[in-house]
Protein backbone atom coordinates (compact mmCIF):
# COMPACT_ATOMS: atom_id res chain seq x y z
CA MET A 1 -64.17 -64.89 40.52
CA ALA A 2 -63.32 -68.55 40.95
CA THR A 3 -63.07 -68.83 37.18
CA GLY A 4 -60.57 -65.94 37.03
CA LEU A 5 -58.48 -67.53 39.78
CA ARG A 6 -58.33 -70.82 37.92
CA GLU A 7 -57.33 -69.05 34.71
CA GLY A 8 -54.55 -67.15 36.58
CA MET A 9 -53.14 -70.35 38.07
CA ALA A 10 -53.25 -72.07 34.69
CA SER A 11 -51.31 -69.15 33.17
CA ILE A 12 -48.60 -69.41 35.85
CA ALA A 13 -48.31 -73.15 35.31
CA GLN A 14 -48.02 -72.65 31.56
CA LYS A 15 -45.21 -70.13 32.03
CA GLY A 16 -43.42 -72.63 34.30
CA LEU A 17 -43.39 -75.11 31.47
CA LEU A 18 -41.64 -72.56 29.28
CA GLN A 19 -38.71 -72.08 31.72
CA PRO A 20 -35.36 -73.53 30.51
CA LYS A 21 -34.62 -76.92 32.05
CA GLU A 22 -31.28 -78.38 33.11
CA THR A 23 -29.97 -81.07 30.81
CA LEU A 24 -27.45 -83.80 31.56
CA SER A 25 -24.14 -83.29 29.82
CA GLU A 26 -21.06 -85.48 29.71
CA THR A 27 -18.33 -84.40 32.10
CA LYS A 28 -14.69 -85.25 31.60
CA PRO A 29 -12.97 -86.91 34.56
CA LYS A 30 -10.13 -84.96 36.12
CA ASN A 31 -6.85 -86.19 34.70
CA ASN A 32 -4.65 -87.25 37.63
CA SER A 33 -2.38 -89.50 35.61
CA LEU A 34 1.17 -89.64 36.97
CA TYR A 35 4.39 -90.08 35.01
CA ILE A 36 6.76 -92.03 37.29
CA GLY A 37 10.46 -92.61 36.59
CA ILE A 38 12.64 -95.30 38.20
CA PRO A 39 16.37 -94.78 37.47
CA LYS A 40 19.01 -97.46 37.88
CA GLU A 41 20.85 -97.07 41.17
CA ILE A 42 24.49 -96.11 40.77
CA SER A 43 25.29 -95.91 44.48
CA PHE A 44 27.96 -98.45 45.51
CA GLN A 45 26.44 -101.92 46.08
CA GLU A 46 22.87 -100.58 46.23
CA ASN A 47 20.83 -103.51 44.93
CA ARG A 48 17.32 -102.50 45.97
CA ILE A 49 14.67 -100.98 43.71
CA ALA A 50 11.78 -98.77 44.79
CA LEU A 51 8.98 -100.52 42.86
CA THR A 52 8.50 -104.22 42.07
CA PRO A 53 6.82 -105.42 38.84
CA LEU A 54 3.47 -106.11 40.54
CA SER A 55 3.41 -102.59 42.00
CA VAL A 56 4.14 -101.21 38.54
CA ALA A 57 1.17 -103.21 37.22
CA LEU A 58 -1.06 -101.73 39.94
CA LEU A 59 0.01 -98.18 39.10
CA ILE A 60 -0.50 -98.71 35.37
CA ASN A 61 -3.96 -100.20 36.01
CA ASN A 62 -4.73 -96.97 37.89
CA GLY A 63 -4.00 -94.99 34.73
CA HIS A 64 -0.42 -93.98 35.48
CA LYS A 65 2.68 -94.23 33.29
CA VAL A 66 5.90 -95.83 34.56
CA ILE A 67 9.28 -95.62 32.84
CA ILE A 68 12.23 -97.67 34.13
CA GLU A 69 15.90 -97.52 33.21
CA ALA A 70 17.17 -100.80 31.75
CA GLY A 71 18.78 -102.98 34.39
CA ALA A 72 17.29 -101.06 37.32
CA GLY A 73 15.88 -104.22 38.90
CA THR A 74 18.78 -106.56 38.16
CA GLY A 75 20.29 -106.26 41.64
CA ALA A 76 17.02 -107.47 43.16
CA ASN A 77 16.65 -110.21 40.51
CA PHE A 78 13.88 -108.45 38.58
CA SER A 79 14.49 -108.48 34.83
CA ASP A 80 13.53 -105.78 32.34
CA ARG A 81 11.06 -108.27 30.90
CA ASP A 82 9.38 -108.64 34.31
CA TYR A 83 8.62 -104.92 34.18
CA SER A 84 7.77 -104.62 30.49
CA GLU A 85 5.25 -107.46 30.79
CA GLN A 86 3.42 -105.39 33.41
CA GLY A 87 3.26 -102.38 31.09
CA ALA A 88 6.34 -100.39 32.08
CA ILE A 89 8.41 -98.56 29.47
CA ILE A 90 12.06 -99.68 29.47
CA THR A 91 14.67 -97.19 28.32
CA TYR A 92 18.46 -97.13 28.07
CA HIS A 93 18.52 -93.32 28.20
CA LYS A 94 18.76 -91.81 31.68
CA LYS A 95 17.53 -88.45 30.37
CA GLU A 96 14.16 -90.01 29.51
CA ILE A 97 13.82 -91.28 33.08
CA PHE A 98 14.37 -87.82 34.51
CA ASP A 99 11.76 -86.32 32.19
CA ALA A 100 9.13 -88.00 34.40
CA ASP A 101 7.08 -85.92 36.85
CA ILE A 102 7.91 -88.13 39.84
CA ILE A 103 11.29 -89.78 40.43
CA VAL A 104 11.38 -92.67 42.91
CA LYS A 105 14.76 -94.09 43.87
CA ILE A 106 16.68 -95.50 46.83
CA ALA A 107 19.89 -93.47 47.17
CA PRO A 108 19.81 -89.65 46.95
CA PRO A 109 20.35 -88.39 43.39
CA THR A 110 23.86 -87.44 42.39
CA PHE A 111 24.65 -83.93 41.12
CA GLU A 112 24.69 -85.35 37.59
CA GLU A 113 21.18 -86.74 38.12
CA ILE A 114 19.92 -83.48 39.63
CA ALA A 115 21.20 -81.68 36.52
CA LEU A 116 18.88 -83.90 34.44
CA MET A 117 15.83 -83.06 36.56
CA HIS A 118 13.39 -80.33 35.62
CA LYS A 119 11.76 -77.63 37.72
CA GLY A 120 8.82 -78.63 39.88
CA GLN A 121 9.62 -82.35 39.82
CA THR A 122 8.78 -84.58 42.78
CA LEU A 123 11.56 -86.73 44.24
CA ILE A 124 11.11 -89.63 46.65
CA SER A 125 14.44 -91.00 47.91
CA ALA A 126 16.66 -91.39 50.94
CA LEU A 127 18.34 -88.28 52.31
CA GLN A 128 21.27 -89.85 54.22
CA MET A 129 21.92 -87.06 56.69
CA GLY A 130 25.46 -88.26 57.38
CA ASN A 131 26.55 -87.53 53.80
CA LEU A 132 24.43 -84.41 53.28
CA ASN A 133 25.93 -81.05 52.39
CA GLU A 134 24.67 -77.55 51.68
CA THR A 135 25.55 -77.72 47.97
CA TYR A 136 23.21 -80.69 47.50
CA LEU A 137 20.31 -78.88 49.17
CA LYS A 138 20.86 -75.72 47.14
CA ALA A 139 20.88 -77.77 43.92
CA LEU A 140 17.42 -79.12 44.79
CA LEU A 141 16.17 -75.68 45.84
CA ASP A 142 17.40 -74.07 42.61
CA LYS A 143 15.44 -76.64 40.59
CA LYS A 144 12.40 -76.15 42.88
CA ILE A 145 12.27 -79.91 43.44
CA ASN A 146 9.57 -81.19 45.79
CA ALA A 147 11.68 -83.69 47.74
CA LEU A 148 10.45 -86.34 50.16
CA CYS A 149 12.92 -88.04 52.49
CA PHE A 150 11.64 -91.59 52.83
CA GLU A 151 13.48 -92.16 56.13
CA GLN A 152 11.03 -89.63 57.64
CA LEU A 153 7.83 -91.13 56.22
CA ARG A 154 5.40 -92.04 59.01
CA ASP A 155 2.38 -94.32 58.84
CA GLU A 156 -1.01 -93.98 60.53
CA GLY A 157 0.50 -95.19 63.82
CA ASN A 158 3.18 -92.45 63.66
CA VAL A 159 5.85 -95.12 63.04
CA LEU A 160 8.76 -94.38 60.70
CA SER A 161 7.56 -96.92 58.15
CA VAL A 162 10.67 -97.31 55.97
CA VAL A 163 13.09 -97.25 58.91
CA ARG A 164 10.97 -99.82 60.73
CA ALA A 165 10.73 -102.15 57.72
CA MET A 166 14.46 -102.01 56.98
CA SER A 167 15.32 -102.45 60.67
CA GLU A 168 13.20 -105.60 60.86
CA ILE A 169 15.01 -107.04 57.83
CA VAL A 170 18.47 -106.02 59.08
CA GLY A 171 17.84 -107.43 62.56
CA ALA A 172 16.86 -110.85 61.24
CA THR A 173 19.57 -110.88 58.56
CA SER A 174 22.32 -110.05 61.06
CA ILE A 175 21.69 -113.34 62.86
CA PHE A 176 21.85 -115.35 59.63
CA ILE A 177 25.14 -113.60 58.79
CA ALA A 178 26.48 -114.49 62.24
CA ALA A 179 25.45 -118.11 61.73
CA GLU A 180 27.31 -118.16 58.41
CA TYR A 181 30.55 -116.85 59.93
CA LEU A 182 30.37 -119.26 62.86
CA SER A 183 30.66 -122.17 60.43
CA ASN A 184 33.91 -123.82 59.38
CA VAL A 185 33.34 -122.81 55.76
CA THR A 186 34.23 -119.19 56.56
CA GLY A 187 36.91 -119.97 59.13
CA GLY A 188 34.63 -119.77 62.14
CA LYS A 189 34.27 -122.01 65.17
CA GLY A 190 32.27 -124.66 63.38
CA LEU A 191 29.20 -123.98 65.51
CA MET A 192 25.48 -123.81 64.82
CA LEU A 193 23.42 -121.17 66.56
CA GLY A 194 20.80 -123.62 67.74
CA GLY A 195 21.19 -125.88 70.74
CA PHE A 196 20.59 -129.61 70.37
CA THR A 197 19.97 -132.34 72.90
CA GLY A 198 23.04 -132.62 75.07
CA VAL A 199 24.79 -129.72 73.28
CA PRO A 200 24.79 -126.26 74.88
CA PRO A 201 23.49 -123.42 72.64
CA THR A 202 25.66 -120.61 71.37
CA GLU A 203 25.51 -117.33 73.25
CA VAL A 204 24.38 -114.18 71.43
CA VAL A 205 24.73 -110.71 72.96
CA ILE A 206 22.66 -107.91 71.42
CA LEU A 207 23.47 -104.26 72.11
CA GLY A 208 20.32 -102.18 71.69
CA ALA A 209 16.66 -103.04 72.27
CA GLY A 210 15.21 -101.14 69.31
CA THR A 211 13.66 -102.69 66.22
CA VAL A 212 16.96 -104.15 64.96
CA GLY A 213 17.70 -105.61 68.37
CA GLU A 214 14.19 -107.00 68.74
CA TYR A 215 14.24 -108.82 65.41
CA ALA A 216 17.77 -110.06 65.97
CA ALA A 217 16.67 -111.47 69.34
CA ARG A 218 13.51 -112.95 67.83
CA THR A 219 15.49 -114.73 65.10
CA ALA A 220 18.25 -115.95 67.42
CA LEU A 221 15.71 -117.35 69.90
CA SER A 222 13.83 -119.13 67.12
CA LEU A 223 17.10 -120.86 66.16
CA GLY A 224 17.67 -121.98 69.73
CA ALA A 225 20.45 -119.59 70.78
CA GLU A 226 20.88 -118.18 74.27
CA VAL A 227 20.24 -114.44 74.01
CA LYS A 228 21.23 -111.50 76.20
CA VAL A 229 20.05 -107.97 75.38
CA PHE A 230 21.61 -104.78 76.74
CA ASP A 231 20.24 -101.24 76.46
CA SER A 232 20.46 -98.01 78.43
CA SER A 233 16.65 -97.67 78.50
CA ILE A 234 14.48 -99.74 80.86
CA TYR A 235 11.46 -98.78 78.75
CA ARG A 236 12.97 -100.28 75.58
CA LEU A 237 14.03 -103.44 77.43
CA ARG A 238 10.54 -103.89 78.86
CA ARG A 239 8.97 -103.27 75.44
CA LEU A 240 11.27 -105.87 73.88
CA GLN A 241 10.28 -108.43 76.53
CA ASN A 242 6.60 -107.78 75.84
CA ASN A 243 7.03 -107.94 72.06
CA LEU A 244 9.00 -111.18 72.19
CA GLY A 245 6.38 -112.82 74.39
CA SER A 246 9.03 -114.82 76.23
CA ARG A 247 11.51 -114.18 78.99
CA VAL A 248 14.99 -113.28 77.81
CA PHE A 249 18.01 -111.98 79.70
CA THR A 250 17.97 -108.17 79.68
CA SER A 251 20.21 -105.67 81.40
CA VAL A 252 21.08 -102.01 81.41
CA MET A 253 24.60 -101.06 80.33
CA GLN A 254 26.41 -102.09 83.50
CA PRO A 255 30.11 -102.20 82.52
CA ILE A 256 31.00 -105.27 84.61
CA VAL A 257 27.95 -107.30 83.54
CA LEU A 258 28.33 -106.24 79.89
CA GLY A 259 32.07 -106.94 79.83
CA LYS A 260 31.57 -110.44 81.22
CA ALA A 261 28.83 -111.21 78.68
CA ILE A 262 30.97 -109.97 75.77
CA THR A 263 34.01 -112.06 76.72
CA THR A 264 32.02 -115.30 77.09
CA CYS A 265 29.65 -115.03 74.09
CA ASP A 266 30.02 -116.37 70.55
CA VAL A 267 28.23 -113.53 68.70
CA VAL A 268 27.77 -109.82 69.41
CA ILE A 269 25.26 -107.73 67.44
CA GLY A 270 25.82 -103.98 67.73
CA ALA A 271 22.47 -102.28 67.10
CA ILE A 272 22.65 -99.02 69.02
CA ARG A 273 21.39 -96.07 67.01
CA ALA A 274 22.13 -92.42 67.58
CA THR A 275 19.25 -89.96 67.56
CA HIS A 276 21.59 -87.32 66.13
CA GLY A 277 25.12 -87.67 64.87
CA ARG A 278 27.48 -90.55 65.64
CA SER A 279 26.43 -93.73 67.43
CA PRO A 280 28.07 -94.16 70.85
CA CYS A 281 31.16 -96.36 71.05
CA ILE A 282 30.16 -98.91 73.69
CA ILE A 283 32.72 -101.72 73.38
CA MET A 284 36.35 -100.71 73.78
CA GLU A 285 39.27 -102.38 72.01
CA GLU A 286 40.49 -103.91 75.28
CA THR A 287 37.17 -105.75 75.71
CA VAL A 288 37.29 -107.07 72.13
CA SER A 289 40.82 -108.38 72.75
CA ARG A 290 39.43 -110.60 75.53
CA MET A 291 36.70 -112.16 73.37
CA LYS A 292 36.90 -115.85 72.48
CA PRO A 293 38.87 -116.70 69.30
CA ASN A 294 36.74 -116.90 66.13
CA SER A 295 33.77 -115.23 67.79
CA VAL A 296 31.75 -112.91 65.54
CA VAL A 297 30.97 -109.18 65.76
CA ILE A 298 28.19 -107.77 63.54
CA ASP A 299 28.25 -103.96 63.82
CA VAL A 300 24.90 -102.86 62.39
CA SER A 301 25.57 -99.30 63.61
CA ILE A 302 28.60 -98.89 61.35
CA ASP A 303 26.74 -96.44 59.10
CA GLN A 304 26.72 -94.06 62.09
CA GLY A 305 30.31 -94.77 63.08
CA GLY A 306 29.85 -98.11 64.84
CA CYS A 307 29.58 -99.07 68.51
CA PHE A 308 32.84 -101.08 68.65
CA GLU A 309 36.18 -99.29 68.86
CA THR A 310 37.65 -101.94 66.54
CA SER A 311 35.04 -101.51 63.78
CA GLU A 312 36.09 -100.47 60.26
CA VAL A 313 33.73 -100.01 57.32
CA THR A 314 33.64 -103.00 54.94
CA ASN A 315 31.48 -103.87 51.93
CA HIS A 316 29.53 -106.80 50.48
CA LYS A 317 32.44 -107.97 48.31
CA ASP A 318 34.94 -107.93 51.17
CA PRO A 319 32.67 -107.99 54.23
CA VAL A 320 34.87 -109.18 57.11
CA PHE A 321 38.24 -108.67 58.74
CA ARG A 322 39.87 -110.12 61.84
CA LYS A 323 41.17 -108.22 64.82
CA TYR A 324 42.37 -110.04 67.95
CA ASP A 325 41.21 -113.19 66.13
CA VAL A 326 37.62 -111.89 66.26
CA ILE A 327 35.66 -111.84 63.00
CA HIS A 328 34.24 -108.34 62.33
CA TYR A 329 31.37 -107.81 59.85
CA CYS A 330 30.90 -104.06 59.34
CA VAL A 331 28.88 -103.56 56.13
CA PRO A 332 26.71 -100.39 56.29
CA ASN A 333 23.92 -101.45 53.92
CA ILE A 334 22.96 -104.91 55.19
CA ALA A 335 19.49 -104.70 53.59
CA SER A 336 21.14 -104.81 50.14
CA ARG A 337 22.32 -108.31 50.99
CA VAL A 338 18.67 -109.40 50.65
CA PRO A 339 17.57 -106.82 48.03
CA ARG A 340 14.49 -108.63 46.75
CA THR A 341 12.92 -108.89 50.20
CA ALA A 342 13.92 -105.29 50.97
CA SER A 343 12.41 -104.12 47.66
CA TYR A 344 9.11 -105.80 48.48
CA ALA A 345 9.07 -104.02 51.84
CA LEU A 346 9.80 -100.64 50.23
CA THR A 347 7.28 -101.03 47.43
CA ASN A 348 4.55 -101.76 50.00
CA ILE A 349 5.20 -98.28 51.41
CA PHE A 350 5.77 -96.29 48.21
CA THR A 351 2.92 -97.69 46.08
CA PRO A 352 0.02 -96.46 48.27
CA ILE A 353 1.62 -93.00 48.40
CA LEU A 354 1.85 -92.83 44.61
CA VAL A 355 -1.74 -94.06 44.25
CA ASP A 356 -2.88 -91.37 46.71
CA ILE A 357 -1.00 -88.64 44.80
CA GLY A 358 -2.93 -89.66 41.69
CA ASP A 359 -6.31 -90.09 43.38
CA MET A 360 -6.09 -86.87 45.40
CA GLY A 361 -5.01 -84.71 42.47
CA GLY A 362 -1.39 -84.03 43.31
CA LEU A 363 1.31 -84.08 45.97
CA MET A 364 0.04 -81.00 47.78
CA ASN A 365 -3.34 -82.58 48.51
CA VAL A 366 -1.63 -85.67 49.92
CA VAL A 367 0.62 -83.50 52.08
CA TRP A 368 -2.48 -81.63 53.28
CA ASN A 369 -4.29 -84.83 54.28
CA ARG A 370 -1.36 -87.00 55.46
CA PRO A 371 0.74 -85.51 58.29
CA GLY A 372 3.13 -88.48 58.09
CA ILE A 373 4.04 -87.50 54.53
CA ARG A 374 4.08 -83.78 55.33
CA GLU A 375 6.88 -84.33 57.87
CA ALA A 376 8.99 -86.09 55.23
CA LEU A 377 8.86 -83.17 52.77
CA TYR A 378 12.10 -81.20 53.10
CA THR A 379 12.07 -78.99 49.98
CA TYR A 380 9.00 -77.59 48.25
CA GLN A 381 8.86 -75.14 45.33
CA GLY A 382 12.26 -73.67 46.14
CA HIS A 383 11.69 -73.49 49.91
CA LEU A 384 13.49 -75.49 52.59
CA THR A 385 10.73 -76.96 54.76
CA SER A 386 12.83 -78.94 57.25
CA LYS A 387 13.71 -76.95 60.36
CA ASP A 388 16.50 -79.40 61.26
CA LEU A 389 18.19 -78.94 57.89
CA ALA A 390 17.70 -75.17 58.01
CA ASN A 391 19.41 -75.02 61.41
CA MET A 392 22.16 -77.42 60.32
CA PHE A 393 23.18 -75.33 57.31
CA ASN A 394 21.94 -71.91 58.46
CA LEU A 395 19.49 -71.64 55.55
CA PRO A 396 16.09 -69.88 55.42
CA PHE A 397 13.22 -72.04 56.66
CA LYS A 398 9.60 -72.03 55.46
CA ASP A 399 6.88 -73.78 57.45
CA ILE A 400 5.32 -76.42 55.19
CA GLU A 401 1.94 -76.01 56.90
CA LEU A 402 1.80 -72.36 55.86
CA LEU A 403 2.73 -73.31 52.29
CA VAL A 404 0.04 -75.99 52.29
CA VAL A 405 -2.64 -73.57 53.50
CA SER A 406 -1.65 -70.97 50.90
CA ASN A 407 -2.06 -73.57 48.15
CA GLN A 408 -5.54 -74.68 49.20
């Protein structure tokens, strides 16, 4: 019996050897290569570019293809050769740029540029709510463009990353602009911002304790100026004090205190932002008329209407005007004054997003995994996914989270 058992087991083992075995076979990696287009900005005095040459090199090393319109980086002092040496394709034909799967630019596309785009394309650009109209949105929806508004991009800390970066640059730059217009060369008082032994420092008043105000205060203090910051929010004033790490004069918007500070200072930085719509007009014309001759007003809020009653929009070629013998600088796009620095800041935000789109297998997977990017998506596959825009223009709204789930 034992012999029969052994023979039975041997037979089973022999049959096991005859079973088909799995064999290793070569598998092809999933192709997540992106085709990225960078058009030349045609918006007035827009000198920034979305990707720097080193970021282009990183994307190409990750297996992606980048095509750039000739001269796109000139405003930021990046030559076509800088990009071509990193592997980018340079073209003089705008149509070739808009054949790419992903378009990354600074200003919103014009209607002519939208006409060149194809269905299902991804667009990363500014939205500029103040200039937005229903026709523009419908043009994107008709083309089923997947559009990301970079002003709404949030990082892991839920901070508006592009807005924060540009505000830091604008805040610091506004002080350097003020210093320039205080000098004799530009018809100013002939003053330096910094105080020296035996010489009292210049007085700088900053309206607004947000990011622009904080970096303006930080820069002015580092140059030795006497700084006063006004804001309607105690929380923002306290946060600014903590972030600066030093005691600085702060006050809520008390009319008497504010009026006295304005009429005795040398520089006023207007950095009050509106949550929705127009920025509040804080400084009336009568107050400006009592300011010291040749003092300087930098109205950073001019893109939202300005916070000085005397403000009028200017540009980089003709940036200032005088009213009541007060120098007014009211250029909306201050970051374009330092376009290379601003471009570096932008590329640090856009490059990781593009890498993630490639690594994760498409935009939808990134939107699924990154809530900060999901909130910035305002059109997707012909649907308007921003509730604010839908309410503004009375258009149908589709919840992006439902669209994301249906695509998983």
